[in-house]
Amino acid sequence: DPEEMLPVDRPVIMGHVPLEAPYRGGGVLAI
């Protein structure tokens, strides 16, 4: 879940989990 992803040293751009809209928050961009 992008909203629960652990932070790392830089932002993470990810896919794999379909969302209704792209997500940005907590150091993750889910596309």
ModelCIF file with pLDDT and N, C-alpha, C, O atoms, coordinates in Angstrom:
data_MODEL
#
_entry.id   MODEL 
#
_entity.id                         1 
_entity.type                       polymer 
_entity.pdbx_number_of_molecules   1 
#
_entity_poly.entity_id                      1 
_entity_poly.type                           'polypeptide(L)' 
_entity_poly.nstd_linkage                   no 
_entity_poly.nstd_monomer                   no 
_entity_poly.pdbx_seq_one_letter_code       DPEEMLPVDRPVIMGHVPLEAPYRGGGVLAI 
_entity_poly.pdbx_seq_one_letter_code_can   DPEEMLPVDRPVIMGHVPLEAPYRGGGVLAI 
_entity_poly.pdbx_strand_id                 A 
#
loop_
_entity_poly_seq.entity_id 
_entity_poly_seq.num 
_entity_poly_seq.mon_id 
_entity_poly_seq.hetero 
1 1  ASP n 
1 2  PRO n 
1 3  GLU n 
1 4  GLU n 
1 5  MET n 
1 6  LEU n 
1 7  PRO n 
1 8  VAL n 
1 9  ASP n 
1 10 ARG n 
1 11 PRO n 
1 12 VAL n 
1 13 ILE n 
1 14 MET n 
1 15 GLY n 
1 16 HIS n 
1 17 VAL n 
1 18 PRO n 
1 19 LEU n 
1 20 GLU n 
1 21 ALA n 
1 22 PRO n 
1 23 TYR n 
1 24 ARG n 
1 25 GLY n 
1 26 GLY n 
1 27 GLY n 
1 28 VAL n 
1 29 LEU n 
1 30 ALA n 
1 31 ILE n 
#
_struct_asym.id          A 
_struct_asym.entity_id   1 
#
loop_
_ma_qa_metric.id 
_ma_qa_metric.mode 
_ma_qa_metric.name 
_ma_qa_metric.software_group_id 
_ma_qa_metric.type 
1 global pLDDT . pLDDT 
2 local  pLDDT . pLDDT 
#
_ma_qa_metric_global.metric_id      1 
_ma_qa_metric_global.metric_value   94.81 
_ma_qa_metric_global.model_id       1 
_ma_qa_metric_global.ordinal_id     1 
#
loop_
_ma_qa_metric_local.label_asym_id 
_ma_qa_metric_local.label_comp_id 
_ma_qa_metric_local.label_seq_id 
_ma_qa_metric_local.metric_id 
_ma_qa_metric_local.metric_value 
_ma_qa_metric_local.model_id 
_ma_qa_metric_local.ordinal_id 
A ASP 1  2 92.00 1 1  
A PRO 2  2 95.00 1 2  
A GLU 3  2 93.00 1 3  
A GLU 4  2 90.00 1 4  
A MET 5  2 91.00 1 5  
A LEU 6  2 86.00 1 6  
A PRO 7  2 89.00 1 7  
A VAL 8  2 96.00 1 8  
A ASP 9  2 97.00 1 9  
A ARG 10 2 97.00 1 10 
A PRO 11 2 97.00 1 11 
A VAL 12 2 98.00 1 12 
A ILE 13 2 98.00 1 13 
A MET 14 2 97.00 1 14 
A GLY 15 2 95.00 1 15 
A HIS 16 2 93.00 1 16 
A VAL 17 2 93.00 1 17 
A PRO 18 2 94.00 1 18 
A LEU 19 2 95.00 1 19 
A GLU 20 2 95.00 1 20 
A ALA 21 2 96.00 1 21 
A PRO 22 2 98.00 1 22 
A TYR 23 2 97.00 1 23 
A ARG 24 2 97.00 1 24 
A GLY 25 2 95.00 1 25 
A GLY 26 2 90.00 1 26 
A GLY 27 2 95.00 1 27 
A VAL 28 2 97.00 1 28 
A LEU 29 2 98.00 1 29 
A ALA 30 2 98.00 1 30 
A ILE 31 2 97.00 1 31 
#
loop_
_atom_site.group_PDB 
_atom_site.id 
_atom_site.type_symbol 
_atom_site.label_atom_id 
_atom_site.label_alt_id 
_atom_site.label_comp_id 
_atom_site.label_asym_id 
_atom_site.label_entity_id 
_atom_site.label_seq_id 
_atom_site.pdbx_PDB_ins_code 
_atom_site.Cartn_x 
_atom_site.Cartn_y 
_atom_site.Cartn_z 
_atom_site.occupancy 
_atom_site.B_iso_or_equiv 
_atom_site.pdbx_formal_charge 
_atom_site.auth_seq_id 
_atom_site.auth_comp_id 
_atom_site.auth_asym_id 
_atom_site.auth_atom_id 
_atom_site.pdbx_PDB_model_num 
ATOM 1   N N  . ASP A 1 1  ? 0.857  -1.175 0.000   1.00 92.00 ? 1  ASP A N  1 
ATOM 2   C CA . ASP A 1 1  ? 0.000  0.000  0.000   1.00 92.00 ? 1  ASP A CA 1 
ATOM 3   C C  . ASP A 1 1  ? 0.900  1.233  0.000   1.00 92.00 ? 1  ASP A C  1 
ATOM 4   O O  . ASP A 1 1  ? 1.657  1.437  0.949   1.00 92.00 ? 1  ASP A O  1 
ATOM 5   N N  . PRO A 1 2  ? 0.833  2.061  -1.047  1.00 95.00 ? 2  PRO A N  1 
ATOM 6   C CA . PRO A 1 2  ? 1.712  3.233  -1.100  1.00 95.00 ? 2  PRO A CA 1 
ATOM 7   C C  . PRO A 1 2  ? 1.590  4.143  0.121   1.00 95.00 ? 2  PRO A C  1 
ATOM 8   O O  . PRO A 1 2  ? 2.565  4.780  0.518   1.00 95.00 ? 2  PRO A O  1 
ATOM 9   N N  . GLU A 1 3  ? 0.408  4.205  0.713   1.00 93.00 ? 3  GLU A N  1 
ATOM 10  C CA . GLU A 1 3  ? 0.195  5.081  1.869   1.00 93.00 ? 3  GLU A CA 1 
ATOM 11  C C  . GLU A 1 3  ? 0.884  4.552  3.121   1.00 93.00 ? 3  GLU A C  1 
ATOM 12  O O  . GLU A 1 3  ? 1.077  5.296  4.081   1.00 93.00 ? 3  GLU A O  1 
ATOM 13  N N  . GLU A 1 4  ? 1.253  3.280  3.120   1.00 90.00 ? 4  GLU A N  1 
ATOM 14  C CA . GLU A 1 4  ? 1.890  2.679  4.294   1.00 90.00 ? 4  GLU A CA 1 
ATOM 15  C C  . GLU A 1 4  ? 3.348  2.308  4.040   1.00 90.00 ? 4  GLU A C  1 
ATOM 16  O O  . GLU A 1 4  ? 3.972  1.638  4.863   1.00 90.00 ? 4  GLU A O  1 
ATOM 17  N N  . MET A 1 5  ? 3.888  2.737  2.912   1.00 91.00 ? 5  MET A N  1 
ATOM 18  C CA . MET A 1 5  ? 5.252  2.360  2.565   1.00 91.00 ? 5  MET A CA 1 
ATOM 19  C C  . MET A 1 5  ? 6.261  3.000  3.502   1.00 91.00 ? 5  MET A C  1 
ATOM 20  O O  . MET A 1 5  ? 6.140  4.163  3.887   1.00 91.00 ? 5  MET A O  1 
ATOM 21  N N  . LEU A 1 6  ? 7.261  2.203  3.856   1.00 86.00 ? 6  LEU A N  1 
ATOM 22  C CA . LEU A 1 6  ? 8.335  2.695  4.717   1.00 86.00 ? 6  LEU A CA 1 
ATOM 23  C C  . LEU A 1 6  ? 9.191  3.688  3.949   1.00 86.00 ? 6  LEU A C  1 
ATOM 24  O O  . LEU A 1 6  ? 9.499  3.461  2.779   1.00 86.00 ? 6  LEU A O  1 
ATOM 25  N N  . PRO A 1 7  ? 9.579  4.784  4.588   1.00 89.00 ? 7  PRO A N  1 
ATOM 26  C CA . PRO A 1 7  ? 10.439 5.751  3.892   1.00 89.00 ? 7  PRO A CA 1 
ATOM 27  C C  . PRO A 1 7  ? 11.859 5.200  3.741   1.00 89.00 ? 7  PRO A C  1 
ATOM 28  O O  . PRO A 1 7  ? 12.344 4.454  4.592   1.00 89.00 ? 7  PRO A O  1 
ATOM 29  N N  . VAL A 1 8  ? 12.500 5.577  2.661   1.00 96.00 ? 8  VAL A N  1 
ATOM 30  C CA . VAL A 1 8  ? 13.905 5.253  2.432   1.00 96.00 ? 8  VAL A CA 1 
ATOM 31  C C  . VAL A 1 8  ? 14.639 6.562  2.148   1.00 96.00 ? 8  VAL A C  1 
ATOM 32  O O  . VAL A 1 8  ? 14.103 7.643  2.389   1.00 96.00 ? 8  VAL A O  1 
ATOM 33  N N  . ASP A 1 9  ? 15.842 6.465  1.645   1.00 97.00 ? 9  ASP A N  1 
ATOM 34  C CA . ASP A 1 9  ? 16.702 7.640  1.505   1.00 97.00 ? 9  ASP A CA 1 
ATOM 35  C C  . ASP A 1 9  ? 16.299 8.611  0.404   1.00 97.00 ? 9  ASP A C  1 
ATOM 36  O O  . ASP A 1 9  ? 16.861 9.703  0.314   1.00 97.00 ? 9  ASP A O  1 
ATOM 37  N N  . ARG A 1 10 ? 15.351 8.241  -0.424  1.00 97.00 ? 10 ARG A N  1 
ATOM 38  C CA . ARG A 1 10 ? 14.891 9.122  -1.503  1.00 97.00 ? 10 ARG A CA 1 
ATOM 39  C C  . ARG A 1 10 ? 13.497 8.671  -1.939  1.00 97.00 ? 10 ARG A C  1 
ATOM 40  O O  . ARG A 1 10 ? 13.066 7.584  -1.557  1.00 97.00 ? 10 ARG A O  1 
ATOM 41  N N  . PRO A 1 11 ? 12.785 9.473  -2.725  1.00 97.00 ? 11 PRO A N  1 
ATOM 42  C CA . PRO A 1 11 ? 11.457 9.055  -3.171  1.00 97.00 ? 11 PRO A CA 1 
ATOM 43  C C  . PRO A 1 11 ? 11.515 7.786  -4.015  1.00 97.00 ? 11 PRO A C  1 
ATOM 44  O O  . PRO A 1 11 ? 12.484 7.536  -4.733  1.00 97.00 ? 11 PRO A O  1 
ATOM 45  N N  . VAL A 1 12 ? 10.456 6.998  -3.909  1.00 98.00 ? 12 VAL A N  1 
ATOM 46  C CA . VAL A 1 12 ? 10.298 5.760  -4.668  1.00 98.00 ? 12 VAL A CA 1 
ATOM 47  C C  . VAL A 1 12 ? 9.164  5.959  -5.656  1.00 98.00 ? 12 VAL A C  1 
ATOM 48  O O  . VAL A 1 12 ? 8.079  6.408  -5.288  1.00 98.00 ? 12 VAL A O  1 
ATOM 49  N N  . ILE A 1 13 ? 9.419  5.623  -6.909  1.00 98.00 ? 13 ILE A N  1 
ATOM 50  C CA . ILE A 1 13 ? 8.370  5.603  -7.932  1.00 98.00 ? 13 ILE A CA 1 
ATOM 51  C C  . ILE A 1 13 ? 8.006  4.136  -8.130  1.00 98.00 ? 13 ILE A C  1 
ATOM 52  O O  . ILE A 1 13 ? 8.871  3.307  -8.413  1.00 98.00 ? 13 ILE A O  1 
ATOM 53  N N  . MET A 1 14 ? 6.736  3.827  -7.982  1.00 97.00 ? 14 MET A N  1 
ATOM 54  C CA . MET A 1 14 ? 6.294  2.438  -8.029  1.00 97.00 ? 14 MET A CA 1 
ATOM 55  C C  . MET A 1 14 ? 5.038  2.273  -8.867  1.00 97.00 ? 14 MET A C  1 
ATOM 56  O O  . MET A 1 14 ? 4.344  3.239  -9.185  1.00 97.00 ? 14 MET A O  1 
ATOM 57  N N  . GLY A 1 15 ? 4.769  1.040  -9.210  1.00 95.00 ? 15 GLY A N  1 
ATOM 58  C CA . GLY A 1 15 ? 3.541  0.638  -9.884  1.00 95.00 ? 15 GLY A CA 1 
ATOM 59  C C  . GLY A 1 15 ? 2.963  -0.537 -9.125  1.00 95.00 ? 15 GLY A C  1 
ATOM 60  O O  . GLY A 1 15 ? 2.941  -0.542 -7.894  1.00 95.00 ? 15 GLY A O  1 
ATOM 61  N N  . HIS A 1 16 ? 2.493  -1.536 -9.860  1.00 93.00 ? 16 HIS A N  1 
ATOM 62  C CA . HIS A 1 16 ? 2.065  -2.844 -9.353  1.00 93.00 ? 16 HIS A CA 1 
ATOM 63  C C  . HIS A 1 16 ? 0.760  -2.838 -8.577  1.00 93.00 ? 16 HIS A C  1 
ATOM 64  O O  . HIS A 1 16 ? 0.027  -3.826 -8.628  1.00 93.00 ? 16 HIS A O  1 
ATOM 65  N N  . VAL A 1 17 ? 0.439  -1.776 -7.866  1.00 93.00 ? 17 VAL A N  1 
ATOM 66  C CA . VAL A 1 17 ? -0.800 -1.716 -7.094  1.00 93.00 ? 17 VAL A CA 1 
ATOM 67  C C  . VAL A 1 17 ? -1.714 -0.705 -7.778  1.00 93.00 ? 17 VAL A C  1 
ATOM 68  O O  . VAL A 1 17 ? -1.518 0.502  -7.634  1.00 93.00 ? 17 VAL A O  1 
ATOM 69  N N  . PRO A 1 18 ? -2.716 -1.190 -8.526  1.00 94.00 ? 18 PRO A N  1 
ATOM 70  C CA . PRO A 1 18 ? -3.582 -0.253 -9.259  1.00 94.00 ? 18 PRO A CA 1 
ATOM 71  C C  . PRO A 1 18 ? -4.403 0.628  -8.314  1.00 94.00 ? 18 PRO A C  1 
ATOM 72  O O  . PRO A 1 18 ? -5.030 0.147  -7.369  1.00 94.00 ? 18 PRO A O  1 
ATOM 73  N N  . LEU A 1 19 ? -4.376 1.912  -8.596  1.00 95.00 ? 19 LEU A N  1 
ATOM 74  C CA . LEU A 1 19 ? -5.138 2.907  -7.844  1.00 95.00 ? 19 LEU A CA 1 
ATOM 75  C C  . LEU A 1 19 ? -6.041 3.659  -8.821  1.00 95.00 ? 19 LEU A C  1 
ATOM 76  O O  . LEU A 1 19 ? -5.789 3.658  -10.026 1.00 95.00 ? 19 LEU A O  1 
ATOM 77  N N  . GLU A 1 20 ? -7.072 4.289  -8.316  1.00 95.00 ? 20 GLU A N  1 
ATOM 78  C CA . GLU A 1 20 ? -7.946 5.065  -9.201  1.00 95.00 ? 20 GLU A CA 1 
ATOM 79  C C  . GLU A 1 20 ? -7.264 6.321  -9.713  1.00 95.00 ? 20 GLU A C  1 
ATOM 80  O O  . GLU A 1 20 ? -7.582 6.805  -10.799 1.00 95.00 ? 20 GLU A O  1 
ATOM 81  N N  . ALA A 1 21 ? -6.326 6.851  -8.936  1.00 96.00 ? 21 ALA A N  1 
ATOM 82  C CA . ALA A 1 21 ? -5.594 8.062  -9.320  1.00 96.00 ? 21 ALA A CA 1 
ATOM 83  C C  . ALA A 1 21 ? -4.156 7.902  -8.845  1.00 96.00 ? 21 ALA A C  1 
ATOM 84  O O  . ALA A 1 21 ? -3.907 7.172  -7.886  1.00 96.00 ? 21 ALA A O  1 
ATOM 85  N N  . PRO A 1 22 ? -3.207 8.566  -9.494  1.00 98.00 ? 22 PRO A N  1 
ATOM 86  C CA . PRO A 1 22 ? -1.826 8.481  -9.008  1.00 98.00 ? 22 PRO A CA 1 
ATOM 87  C C  . PRO A 1 22 ? -1.739 9.041  -7.594  1.00 98.00 ? 22 PRO A C  1 
ATOM 88  O O  . PRO A 1 22 ? -2.550 9.870  -7.181  1.00 98.00 ? 22 PRO A O  1 
ATOM 89  N N  . TYR A 1 23 ? -0.743 8.570  -6.873  1.00 97.00 ? 23 TYR A N  1 
ATOM 90  C CA . TYR A 1 23 ? -0.600 8.940  -5.466  1.00 97.00 ? 23 TYR A CA 1 
ATOM 91  C C  . TYR A 1 23 ? 0.781  9.531  -5.219  1.00 97.00 ? 23 TYR A C  1 
ATOM 92  O O  . TYR A 1 23 ? 1.782  9.036  -5.739  1.00 97.00 ? 23 TYR A O  1 
ATOM 93  N N  . ARG A 1 24 ? 0.827  10.598 -4.418  1.00 97.00 ? 24 ARG A N  1 
ATOM 94  C CA . ARG A 1 24 ? 2.085  11.186 -3.966  1.00 97.00 ? 24 ARG A CA 1 
ATOM 95  C C  . ARG A 1 24 ? 1.962  11.430 -2.476  1.00 97.00 ? 24 ARG A C  1 
ATOM 96  O O  . ARG A 1 24 ? 1.027  12.084 -2.014  1.00 97.00 ? 24 ARG A O  1 
ATOM 97  N N  . GLY A 1 25 ? 2.922  10.894 -1.726  1.00 95.00 ? 25 GLY A N  1 
ATOM 98  C CA . GLY A 1 25 ? 2.935  11.131 -0.284  1.00 95.00 ? 25 GLY A CA 1 
ATOM 99  C C  . GLY A 1 25 ? 3.919  10.203 0.399   1.00 95.00 ? 25 GLY A C  1 
ATOM 100 O O  . GLY A 1 25 ? 4.192  9.105  -0.087  1.00 95.00 ? 25 GLY A O  1 
ATOM 101 N N  . GLY A 1 26 ? 4.446  10.645 1.522   1.00 90.00 ? 26 GLY A N  1 
ATOM 102 C CA . GLY A 1 26 ? 5.322  9.803  2.316   1.00 90.00 ? 26 GLY A CA 1 
ATOM 103 C C  . GLY A 1 26 ? 6.544  9.281  1.580   1.00 90.00 ? 26 GLY A C  1 
ATOM 104 O O  . GLY A 1 26 ? 7.037  8.198  1.892   1.00 90.00 ? 26 GLY A O  1 
ATOM 105 N N  . GLY A 1 27 ? 7.037  10.034 0.609   1.00 95.00 ? 27 GLY A N  1 
ATOM 106 C CA . GLY A 1 27 ? 8.228  9.594  -0.115  1.00 95.00 ? 27 GLY A CA 1 
ATOM 107 C C  . GLY A 1 27 ? 7.953  8.592  -1.209  1.00 95.00 ? 27 GLY A C  1 
ATOM 108 O O  . GLY A 1 27 ? 8.870  7.897  -1.648  1.00 95.00 ? 27 GLY A O  1 
ATOM 109 N N  . VAL A 1 28 ? 6.717  8.496  -1.663  1.00 97.00 ? 28 VAL A N  1 
ATOM 110 C CA . VAL A 1 28 ? 6.386  7.557  -2.733  1.00 97.00 ? 28 VAL A CA 1 
ATOM 111 C C  . VAL A 1 28 ? 5.522  8.232  -3.780  1.00 97.00 ? 28 VAL A C  1 
ATOM 112 O O  . VAL A 1 28 ? 4.668  9.061  -3.467  1.00 97.00 ? 28 VAL A O  1 
ATOM 113 N N  . LEU A 1 29 ? 5.762  7.858  -5.039  1.00 98.00 ? 29 LEU A N  1 
ATOM 114 C CA . LEU A 1 29 ? 4.908  8.259  -6.159  1.00 98.00 ? 29 LEU A CA 1 
ATOM 115 C C  . LEU A 1 29 ? 4.405  6.959  -6.773  1.00 98.00 ? 29 LEU A C  1 
ATOM 116 O O  . LEU A 1 29 ? 5.187  6.197  -7.342  1.00 98.00 ? 29 LEU A O  1 
ATOM 117 N N  . ALA A 1 30 ? 3.119  6.704  -6.663  1.00 98.00 ? 30 ALA A N  1 
ATOM 118 C CA . ALA A 1 30 ? 2.517  5.476  -7.175  1.00 98.00 ? 30 ALA A CA 1 
ATOM 119 C C  . ALA A 1 30 ? 1.787  5.816  -8.468  1.00 98.00 ? 30 ALA A C  1 
ATOM 120 O O  . ALA A 1 30 ? 0.873  6.641  -8.471  1.00 98.00 ? 30 ALA A O  1 
ATOM 121 N N  . ILE A 1 31 ? 2.190  5.177  -9.575  1.00 97.00 ? 31 ILE A N  1 
ATOM 122 C CA . ILE A 1 31 ? 1.672  5.579  -10.884 1.00 97.00 ? 31 ILE A CA 1 
ATOM 123 C C  . ILE A 1 31 ? 0.864  4.498  -11.596 1.00 97.00 ? 31 ILE A C  1 
ATOM 124 O O  . ILE A 1 31 ? 0.378  4.720  -12.705 1.00 97.00 ? 31 ILE A O  1 
#
